Amino acid sequence: QSFRDVELLAVDNASPDHGPEILDELAARDER
């Protein structure tokens, strides 16, 4: 988004799929 002052807090609810790895990859690109 053009508005940058945001934190996206994602709770991995012990997901059994590849969701946790995807979150790690996305978090590595953007500390928000």
Full PDB file with SEQRES, HELIX, SHEET, SSBOND, CRYST1, ORIGX, SCALE, CONECT and MASTER records, all heavy atoms in Angstrom:
SEQRES   1 A   32  GLN SER PHE ARG ASP VAL GLU LEU LEU ALA VAL ASP ASN          
SEQRES   2 A   32  ALA SER PRO ASP HIS GLY PRO GLU ILE LEU ASP GLU LEU          
SEQRES   3 A   32  ALA ALA ARG ASP GLU ARG                                      
HELIX    1 AA1 GLY A   19  ARG A   29  1                                  11    
CRYST1    1.000    1.000    1.000  90.00  90.00  90.00 P 1           1          
ORIGX1      1.000000  0.000000  0.000000        0.00000                         
ORIGX2      0.000000  1.000000  0.000000        0.00000                         
ORIGX3      0.000000  0.000000  1.000000        0.00000                         
SCALE1      1.000000  0.000000  0.000000        0.00000                         
SCALE2      0.000000  1.000000  0.000000        0.00000                         
SCALE3      0.000000  0.000000  1.000000        0.00000                         
ATOM      1  N   GLN A   1       0.835  -1.198   0.000  1.00  0.00           N  
ATOM      2  CA  GLN A   1       0.000   0.000   0.000  1.00  0.00           C  
ATOM      3  C   GLN A   1       0.873   1.253   0.000  1.00  0.00           C  
ATOM      4  O   GLN A   1       2.007   1.254   0.477  1.00  0.00           O  
ATOM      5  CB  GLN A   1      -0.888   0.013   1.250  1.00  0.00           C  
ATOM      6  CG  GLN A   1      -1.924  -1.098   1.298  1.00  0.00           C  
ATOM      7  CD  GLN A   1      -3.206  -0.734   0.586  1.00  0.00           C  
ATOM      8  OE1 GLN A   1      -3.712   0.375   0.701  1.00  0.00           O  
ATOM      9  NE2 GLN A   1      -3.749  -1.691  -0.163  1.00  0.00           N  
ATOM     10  N   SER A   2       0.327   2.350  -0.515  1.00  0.00           N  
ATOM     11  CA  SER A   2       1.057   3.612  -0.503  1.00  0.00           C  
ATOM     12  C   SER A   2       1.266   4.125   0.924  1.00  0.00           C  
ATOM     13  O   SER A   2       2.269   4.788   1.214  1.00  0.00           O  
ATOM     14  CB  SER A   2       0.302   4.661  -1.324  1.00  0.00           C  
ATOM     15  OG  SER A   2      -1.002   4.868  -0.793  1.00  0.00           O  
ATOM     16  N   PHE A   3       0.348   3.824   1.824  1.00  0.00           N  
ATOM     17  CA  PHE A   3       0.494   4.175   3.232  1.00  0.00           C  
ATOM     18  C   PHE A   3       1.405   3.138   3.878  1.00  0.00           C  
ATOM     19  O   PHE A   3       1.103   1.940   3.876  1.00  0.00           O  
ATOM     20  CB  PHE A   3      -0.875   4.188   3.915  1.00  0.00           C  
ATOM     21  CG  PHE A   3      -0.837   4.593   5.367  1.00  0.00           C  
ATOM     22  CD1 PHE A   3      -0.847   5.931   5.716  1.00  0.00           C  
ATOM     23  CD2 PHE A   3      -0.794   3.637   6.372  1.00  0.00           C  
ATOM     24  CE1 PHE A   3      -0.813   6.314   7.043  1.00  0.00           C  
ATOM     25  CE2 PHE A   3      -0.761   4.010   7.705  1.00  0.00           C  
ATOM     26  CZ  PHE A   3      -0.765   5.354   8.043  1.00  0.00           C  
ATOM     27  N   ARG A   4       2.524   3.575   4.439  1.00  0.00           N  
ATOM     28  CA  ARG A   4       3.566   2.647   4.878  1.00  0.00           C  
ATOM     29  C   ARG A   4       3.615   2.437   6.389  1.00  0.00           C  
ATOM     30  O   ARG A   4       4.245   1.488   6.852  1.00  0.00           O  
ATOM     31  CB  ARG A   4       4.938   3.181   4.426  1.00  0.00           C  
ATOM     32  CG  ARG A   4       5.043   3.492   2.942  1.00  0.00           C  
ATOM     33  CD  ARG A   4       5.113   2.248   2.115  1.00  0.00           C  
ATOM     34  NE  ARG A   4       6.341   1.483   2.372  1.00  0.00           N  
ATOM     35  CZ  ARG A   4       6.577   0.283   1.851  1.00  0.00           C  
ATOM     36  NH1 ARG A   4       5.671  -0.285   1.067  1.00  0.00           N  
ATOM     37  NH2 ARG A   4       7.699  -0.353   2.121  1.00  0.00           N  
ATOM     38  N   ASP A   5       2.970   3.304   7.159  1.00  0.00           N  
ATOM     39  CA  ASP A   5       3.070   3.243   8.618  1.00  0.00           C  
ATOM     40  C   ASP A   5       2.105   2.199   9.162  1.00  0.00           C  
ATOM     41  O   ASP A   5       1.075   2.508   9.766  1.00  0.00           O  
ATOM     42  CB  ASP A   5       2.789   4.611   9.220  1.00  0.00           C  
ATOM     43  CG  ASP A   5       3.061   4.651  10.720  1.00  0.00           C  
ATOM     44  OD1 ASP A   5       3.699   3.709  11.231  1.00  0.00           O  
ATOM     45  OD2 ASP A   5       2.633   5.621  11.378  1.00  0.00           O  
ATOM     46  N   VAL A   6       2.434   0.938   8.932  1.00  0.00           N  
ATOM     47  CA  VAL A   6       1.564  -0.163   9.320  1.00  0.00           C  
ATOM     48  C   VAL A   6       2.408  -1.345   9.758  1.00  0.00           C  
ATOM     49  O   VAL A   6       3.521  -1.558   9.253  1.00  0.00           O  
ATOM     50  CB  VAL A   6       0.639  -0.571   8.142  1.00  0.00           C  
ATOM     51  CG1 VAL A   6       1.458  -1.061   6.958  1.00  0.00           C  
ATOM     52  CG2 VAL A   6      -0.361  -1.637   8.573  1.00  0.00           C  
ATOM     53  N   GLU A   7       1.917  -2.080  10.735  1.00  0.00           N  
ATOM     54  CA  GLU A   7       2.523  -3.347  11.133  1.00  0.00           C  
ATOM     55  C   GLU A   7       1.502  -4.437  10.872  1.00  0.00           C  
ATOM     56  O   GLU A   7       0.341  -4.332  11.279  1.00  0.00           O  
ATOM     57  CB  GLU A   7       2.893  -3.337  12.613  1.00  0.00           C  
ATOM     58  CG  GLU A   7       3.432  -4.674  13.115  1.00  0.00           C  
ATOM     59  CD  GLU A   7       3.676  -4.699  14.615  1.00  0.00           C  
ATOM     60  OE1 GLU A   7       2.700  -4.885  15.377  1.00  0.00           O  
ATOM     61  OE2 GLU A   7       4.842  -4.510  15.016  1.00  0.00           O  
ATOM     62  N   LEU A   8       1.923  -5.493  10.187  1.00  0.00           N  
ATOM     63  CA  LEU A   8       1.056  -6.638   9.943  1.00  0.00           C  
ATOM     64  C   LEU A   8       1.510  -7.754  10.875  1.00  0.00           C  
ATOM     65  O   LEU A   8       2.578  -8.332  10.705  1.00  0.00           O  
ATOM     66  CB  LEU A   8       1.135  -7.090   8.490  1.00  0.00           C  
ATOM     67  CG  LEU A   8       0.309  -8.333   8.127  1.00  0.00           C  
ATOM     68  CD1 LEU A   8      -1.157  -8.149   8.494  1.00  0.00           C  
ATOM     69  CD2 LEU A   8       0.448  -8.659   6.643  1.00  0.00           C  
ATOM     70  N   LEU A   9       0.700  -8.030  11.879  1.00  0.00           N  
ATOM     71  CA  LEU A   9       1.013  -9.055  12.862  1.00  0.00           C  
ATOM     72  C   LEU A   9       0.295 -10.343  12.466  1.00  0.00           C  
ATOM     73  O   LEU A   9      -0.938 -10.396  12.422  1.00  0.00           O  
ATOM     74  CB  LEU A   9       0.562  -8.605  14.251  1.00  0.00           C  
ATOM     75  CG  LEU A   9       0.768  -9.578  15.408  1.00  0.00           C  
ATOM     76  CD1 LEU A   9       2.240  -9.936  15.563  1.00  0.00           C  
ATOM     77  CD2 LEU A   9       0.233  -8.983  16.692  1.00  0.00           C  
ATOM     78  N   ALA A  10       1.061 -11.387  12.145  1.00  0.00           N  
ATOM     79  CA  ALA A  10       0.501 -12.667  11.716  1.00  0.00           C  
ATOM     80  C   ALA A  10       0.759 -13.706  12.798  1.00  0.00           C  
ATOM     81  O   ALA A  10       1.904 -13.907  13.221  1.00  0.00           O  
ATOM     82  CB  ALA A  10       1.124 -13.108  10.396  1.00  0.00           C  
ATOM     83  N   VAL A  11      -0.295 -14.366  13.247  1.00  0.00           N  
ATOM     84  CA  VAL A  11      -0.177 -15.443  14.226  1.00  0.00           C  
ATOM     85  C   VAL A  11      -0.265 -16.767  13.481  1.00  0.00           C  
ATOM     86  O   VAL A  11      -1.298 -17.084  12.888  1.00  0.00           O  
ATOM     87  CB  VAL A  11      -1.282 -15.349  15.300  1.00  0.00           C  
ATOM     88  CG1 VAL A  11      -1.219 -16.554  16.232  1.00  0.00           C  
ATOM     89  CG2 VAL A  11      -1.146 -14.049  16.084  1.00  0.00           C  
ATOM     90  N   ASP A  12       0.825 -17.519  13.499  1.00  0.00           N  
ATOM     91  CA  ASP A  12       0.839 -18.858  12.910  1.00  0.00           C  
ATOM     92  C   ASP A  12       0.229 -19.809  13.933  1.00  0.00           C  
ATOM     93  O   ASP A  12       0.852 -20.152  14.937  1.00  0.00           O  
ATOM     94  CB  ASP A  12       2.274 -19.261  12.571  1.00  0.00           C  
ATOM     95  CG  ASP A  12       2.408 -20.756  12.284  1.00  0.00           C  
ATOM     96  OD1 ASP A  12       1.403 -21.361  11.860  1.00  0.00           O  
ATOM     97  OD2 ASP A  12       3.509 -21.303  12.509  1.00  0.00           O  
ATOM     98  N   ASN A  13      -1.009 -20.239  13.668  1.00  0.00           N  
ATOM     99  CA  ASN A  13      -1.731 -21.094  14.606  1.00  0.00           C  
ATOM    100  C   ASN A  13      -1.330 -22.558  14.413  1.00  0.00           C  
ATOM    101  O   ASN A  13      -2.165 -23.427  14.146  1.00  0.00           O  
ATOM    102  CB  ASN A  13      -3.240 -20.903  14.398  1.00  0.00           C  
ATOM    103  CG  ASN A  13      -4.064 -21.438  15.561  1.00  0.00           C  
ATOM    104  OD1 ASN A  13      -3.529 -21.830  16.589  1.00  0.00           O  
ATOM    105  ND2 ASN A  13      -5.378 -21.456  15.379  1.00  0.00           N  
ATOM    106  N   ALA A  14      -0.015 -22.801  14.547  1.00  0.00           N  
ATOM    107  CA  ALA A  14       0.543 -24.151  14.367  1.00  0.00           C  
ATOM    108  C   ALA A  14       0.050 -24.771  13.070  1.00  0.00           C  
ATOM    109  O   ALA A  14      -0.335 -25.946  13.026  1.00  0.00           O  
ATOM    110  CB  ALA A  14       0.202 -25.042  15.571  1.00  0.00           C  
ATOM    111  N   SER A  15       0.091 -23.992  11.995  1.00  0.00           N  
ATOM    112  CA  SER A  15      -0.434 -24.452  10.717  1.00  0.00           C  
ATOM    113  C   SER A  15       0.393 -25.614  10.184  1.00  0.00           C  
ATOM    114  O   SER A  15       1.628 -25.534  10.130  1.00  0.00           O  
ATOM    115  CB  SER A  15      -0.428 -23.299   9.704  1.00  0.00           C  
ATOM    116  OG  SER A  15      -1.019 -23.691   8.493  1.00  0.00           O  
ATOM    117  N   PRO A  16      -0.255 -26.710   9.740  1.00  0.00           N  
ATOM    118  CA  PRO A  16       0.486 -27.896   9.297  1.00  0.00           C  
ATOM    119  C   PRO A  16       0.923 -27.856   7.836  1.00  0.00           C  
ATOM    120  O   PRO A  16       1.548 -28.803   7.360  1.00  0.00           O  
ATOM    121  CB  PRO A  16      -0.531 -29.027   9.518  1.00  0.00           C  
ATOM    122  CG  PRO A  16      -1.858 -28.377   9.290  1.00  0.00           C  
ATOM    123  CD  PRO A  16      -1.715 -26.962   9.808  1.00  0.00           C  
ATOM    124  N   ASP A  17       0.602 -26.784   7.110  1.00  0.00           N  
ATOM    125  CA  ASP A  17       0.975 -26.717   5.699  1.00  0.00           C  
ATOM    126  C   ASP A  17       2.250 -25.888   5.550  1.00  0.00           C  
ATOM    127  O   ASP A  17       3.054 -25.775   6.482  1.00  0.00           O  
ATOM    128  CB  ASP A  17      -0.180 -26.152   4.867  1.00  0.00           C  
ATOM    129  CG  ASP A  17      -0.571 -24.737   5.297  1.00  0.00           C  
ATOM    130  OD1 ASP A  17       0.074 -24.180   6.235  1.00  0.00           O  
ATOM    131  OD2 ASP A  17      -1.509 -24.173   4.717  1.00  0.00           O  
ATOM    132  N   HIS A  18       2.441 -25.293   4.381  1.00  0.00           N  
ATOM    133  CA  HIS A  18       3.647 -24.489   4.155  1.00  0.00           C  
ATOM    134  C   HIS A  18       3.445 -23.022   4.531  1.00  0.00           C  
ATOM    135  O   HIS A  18       4.307 -22.188   4.238  1.00  0.00           O  
ATOM    136  CB  HIS A  18       4.071 -24.595   2.690  1.00  0.00           C  
ATOM    137  CG  HIS A  18       4.533 -25.972   2.293  1.00  0.00           C  
ATOM    138  ND1 HIS A  18       5.671 -26.553   2.790  1.00  0.00           N  
ATOM    139  CD2 HIS A  18       3.980 -26.890   1.451  1.00  0.00           C  
ATOM    140  CE1 HIS A  18       5.820 -27.755   2.272  1.00  0.00           C  
ATOM    141  NE2 HIS A  18       4.802 -27.991   1.461  1.00  0.00           N  
ATOM    142  N   GLY A  19       2.345 -22.710   5.182  1.00  0.00           N  
ATOM    143  CA  GLY A  19       2.093 -21.344   5.589  1.00  0.00           C  
ATOM    144  C   GLY A  19       3.199 -20.739   6.438  1.00  0.00           C  
ATOM    145  O   GLY A  19       3.619 -19.594   6.196  1.00  0.00           O  
ATOM    146  N   PRO A  20       3.720 -21.453   7.455  1.00  0.00           N  
ATOM    147  CA  PRO A  20       4.796 -20.871   8.266  1.00  0.00           C  
ATOM    148  C   PRO A  20       6.032 -20.494   7.450  1.00  0.00           C  
ATOM    149  O   PRO A  20       6.631 -19.432   7.669  1.00  0.00           O  
ATOM    150  CB  PRO A  20       5.110 -21.991   9.265  1.00  0.00           C  
ATOM    151  CG  PRO A  20       3.822 -22.736   9.390  1.00  0.00           C  
ATOM    152  CD  PRO A  20       3.228 -22.722   8.007  1.00  0.00           C  
ATOM    153  N   GLU A  21       6.412 -21.356   6.492  1.00  0.00           N  
ATOM    154  CA  GLU A  21       7.574 -21.039   5.654  1.00  0.00           C  
ATOM    155  C   GLU A  21       7.301 -19.826   4.769  1.00  0.00           C  
ATOM    156  O   GLU A  21       8.182 -18.973   4.570  1.00  0.00           O  
ATOM    157  CB  GLU A  21       7.938 -22.241   4.785  1.00  0.00           C  
ATOM    158  CG  GLU A  21       8.529 -23.408   5.548  1.00  0.00           C  
ATOM    159  CD  GLU A  21       7.464 -24.313   6.171  1.00  0.00           C  
ATOM    160  OE1 GLU A  21       6.262 -23.987   6.055  1.00  0.00           O  
ATOM    161  OE2 GLU A  21       7.850 -25.340   6.770  1.00  0.00           O  
ATOM    162  N   ILE A  22       6.098 -19.731   4.260  1.00  0.00           N  
ATOM    163  CA  ILE A  22       5.737 -18.576   3.430  1.00  0.00           C  
ATOM    164  C   ILE A  22       5.800 -17.298   4.257  1.00  0.00           C  
ATOM    165  O   ILE A  22       6.320 -16.263   3.802  1.00  0.00           O  
ATOM    166  CB  ILE A  22       4.338 -18.776   2.818  1.00  0.00           C  
ATOM    167  CG1 ILE A  22       4.360 -19.938   1.826  1.00  0.00           C  
ATOM    168  CG2 ILE A  22       3.857 -17.507   2.127  1.00  0.00           C  
ATOM    169  CD1 ILE A  22       2.985 -20.331   1.316  1.00  0.00           C  
ATOM    170  N   LEU A  23       5.298 -17.354   5.492  1.00  0.00           N  
ATOM    171  CA  LEU A  23       5.373 -16.184   6.365  1.00  0.00           C  
ATOM    172  C   LEU A  23       6.826 -15.786   6.625  1.00  0.00           C  
ATOM    173  O   LEU A  23       7.161 -14.591   6.636  1.00  0.00           O  
ATOM    174  CB  LEU A  23       4.663 -16.456   7.688  1.00  0.00           C  
ATOM    175  CG  LEU A  23       3.132 -16.507   7.648  1.00  0.00           C  
ATOM    176  CD1 LEU A  23       2.590 -16.908   9.009  1.00  0.00           C  
ATOM    177  CD2 LEU A  23       2.556 -15.159   7.233  1.00  0.00           C  
ATOM    178  N   ASP A  24       7.690 -16.768   6.838  1.00  0.00           N  
ATOM    179  CA  ASP A  24       9.115 -16.469   7.065  1.00  0.00           C  
ATOM    180  C   ASP A  24       9.715 -15.760   5.856  1.00  0.00           C  
ATOM    181  O   ASP A  24      10.468 -14.773   5.998  1.00  0.00           O  
ATOM    182  CB  ASP A  24       9.886 -17.758   7.347  1.00  0.00           C  
ATOM    183  CG  ASP A  24       9.654 -18.285   8.750  1.00  0.00           C  
ATOM    184  OD1 ASP A  24       9.171 -17.510   9.600  1.00  0.00           O  
ATOM    185  OD2 ASP A  24       9.935 -19.478   8.990  1.00  0.00           O  
ATOM    186  N   GLU A  25       9.403 -16.265   4.663  1.00  0.00           N  
ATOM    187  CA  GLU A  25       9.950 -15.649   3.453  1.00  0.00           C  
ATOM    188  C   GLU A  25       9.447 -14.217   3.290  1.00  0.00           C  
ATOM    189  O   GLU A  25      10.221 -13.317   2.936  1.00  0.00           O  
ATOM    190  CB  GLU A  25       9.548 -16.487   2.236  1.00  0.00           C  
ATOM    191  CG  GLU A  25      10.181 -17.872   2.200  1.00  0.00           C  
ATOM    192  CD  GLU A  25       9.622 -18.722   1.071  1.00  0.00           C  
ATOM    193  OE1 GLU A  25       8.795 -18.190   0.292  1.00  0.00           O  
ATOM    194  OE2 GLU A  25       9.999 -19.904   0.974  1.00  0.00           O  
ATOM    195  N   LEU A  26       8.181 -13.999   3.550  1.00  0.00           N  
ATOM    196  CA  LEU A  26       7.612 -12.657   3.406  1.00  0.00           C  
ATOM    197  C   LEU A  26       8.159 -11.717   4.473  1.00  0.00           C  
ATOM    198  O   LEU A  26       8.441 -10.537   4.195  1.00  0.00           O  
ATOM    199  CB  LEU A  26       6.086 -12.734   3.496  1.00  0.00           C  
ATOM    200  CG  LEU A  26       5.388 -13.478   2.346  1.00  0.00           C  
ATOM    201  CD1 LEU A  26       3.922 -13.724   2.694  1.00  0.00           C  
ATOM    202  CD2 LEU A  26       5.494 -12.679   1.050  1.00  0.00           C  
ATOM    203  N   ALA A  27       8.343 -12.213   5.688  1.00  0.00           N  
ATOM    204  CA  ALA A  27       8.872 -11.378   6.766  1.00  0.00           C  
ATOM    205  C   ALA A  27      10.319 -10.994   6.526  1.00  0.00           C  
ATOM    206  O   ALA A  27      10.773  -9.911   6.923  1.00  0.00           O  
ATOM    207  CB  ALA A  27       8.736 -12.108   8.101  1.00  0.00           C  
ATOM    208  N   ALA A  28      11.066 -11.884   5.858  1.00  0.00           N  
ATOM    209  CA  ALA A  28      12.463 -11.575   5.554  1.00  0.00           C  
ATOM    210  C   ALA A  28      12.575 -10.419   4.569  1.00  0.00           C  
ATOM    211  O   ALA A  28      13.585  -9.696   4.554  1.00  0.00           O  
ATOM    212  CB  ALA A  28      13.161 -12.819   4.998  1.00  0.00           C  
ATOM    213  N   ARG A  29      11.543 -10.208   3.761  1.00  0.00           N  
ATOM    214  CA  ARG A  29      11.562  -9.128   2.781  1.00  0.00           C  
ATOM    215  C   ARG A  29      11.082  -7.803   3.361  1.00  0.00           C  
ATOM    216  O   ARG A  29      11.418  -6.737   2.847  1.00  0.00           O  
ATOM    217  CB  ARG A  29      10.666  -9.486   1.596  1.00  0.00           C  
ATOM    218  CG  ARG A  29      11.037 -10.757   0.862  1.00  0.00           C  
ATOM    219  CD  ARG A  29      10.015 -11.038  -0.219  1.00  0.00           C  
ATOM    220  NE  ARG A  29      10.016 -12.422  -0.656  1.00  0.00           N  
ATOM    221  CZ  ARG A  29       9.072 -12.979  -1.381  1.00  0.00           C  
ATOM    222  NH1 ARG A  29       8.030 -12.248  -1.761  1.00  0.00           N  
ATOM    223  NH2 ARG A  29       9.151 -14.249  -1.740  1.00  0.00           N  
ATOM    224  N   ASP A  30      10.276  -7.885   4.419  1.00  0.00           N  
ATOM    225  CA  ASP A  30       9.683  -6.651   4.953  1.00  0.00           C  
ATOM    226  C   ASP A  30       9.515  -6.796   6.457  1.00  0.00           C  
ATOM    227  O   ASP A  30       8.745  -7.633   6.936  1.00  0.00           O  
ATOM    228  CB  ASP A  30       8.319  -6.393   4.293  1.00  0.00           C  
ATOM    229  CG  ASP A  30       7.814  -4.968   4.513  1.00  0.00           C  
ATOM    230  OD1 ASP A  30       7.978  -4.455   5.642  1.00  0.00           O  
ATOM    231  OD2 ASP A  30       7.249  -4.389   3.572  1.00  0.00           O  
ATOM    232  N   GLU A  31      10.245  -5.980   7.209  1.00  0.00           N  
ATOM    233  CA  GLU A  31      10.230  -6.093   8.667  1.00  0.00           C  
ATOM    234  C   GLU A  31       8.900  -5.657   9.283  1.00  0.00           C  
ATOM    235  O   GLU A  31       8.663  -5.878  10.472  1.00  0.00           O  
ATOM    236  CB  GLU A  31      11.361  -5.262   9.270  1.00  0.00           C  
ATOM    237  CG  GLU A  31      11.245  -3.773   9.005  1.00  0.00           C  
ATOM    238  CD  GLU A  31      12.404  -2.989   9.572  1.00  0.00           C  
ATOM    239  OE1 GLU A  31      13.380  -3.615  10.047  1.00  0.00           O  
ATOM    240  OE2 GLU A  31      12.343  -1.748   9.543  1.00  0.00           O  
ATOM    241  N   ARG A  32       8.029  -5.068   8.476  1.00  0.00           N  
ATOM    242  CA  ARG A  32       6.719  -4.675   9.005  1.00  0.00           C  
ATOM    243  C   ARG A  32       5.799  -5.881   9.195  1.00  0.00           C  
ATOM    244  O   ARG A  32       4.768  -5.773   9.860  1.00  0.00           O  
ATOM    245  CB  ARG A  32       6.060  -3.652   8.088  1.00  0.00           C  
ATOM    246  CG  ARG A  32       6.789  -2.298   8.044  1.00  0.00           C  
ATOM    247  CD  ARG A  32       6.144  -1.385   7.023  1.00  0.00           C  
ATOM    248  NE  ARG A  32       6.200  -1.971   5.689  1.00  0.00           N  
ATOM    249  CZ  ARG A  32       5.369  -1.635   4.686  1.00  0.00           C  
ATOM    250  NH1 ARG A  32       4.415  -0.751   4.883  1.00  0.00           N  
ATOM    251  NH2 ARG A  32       5.500  -2.217   3.503  1.00  0.00           N  
TER     252      ARG A  32                                                      
MASTER        0    0    0    1    0    0    0    6  251    1    0    3          
END                                                                             
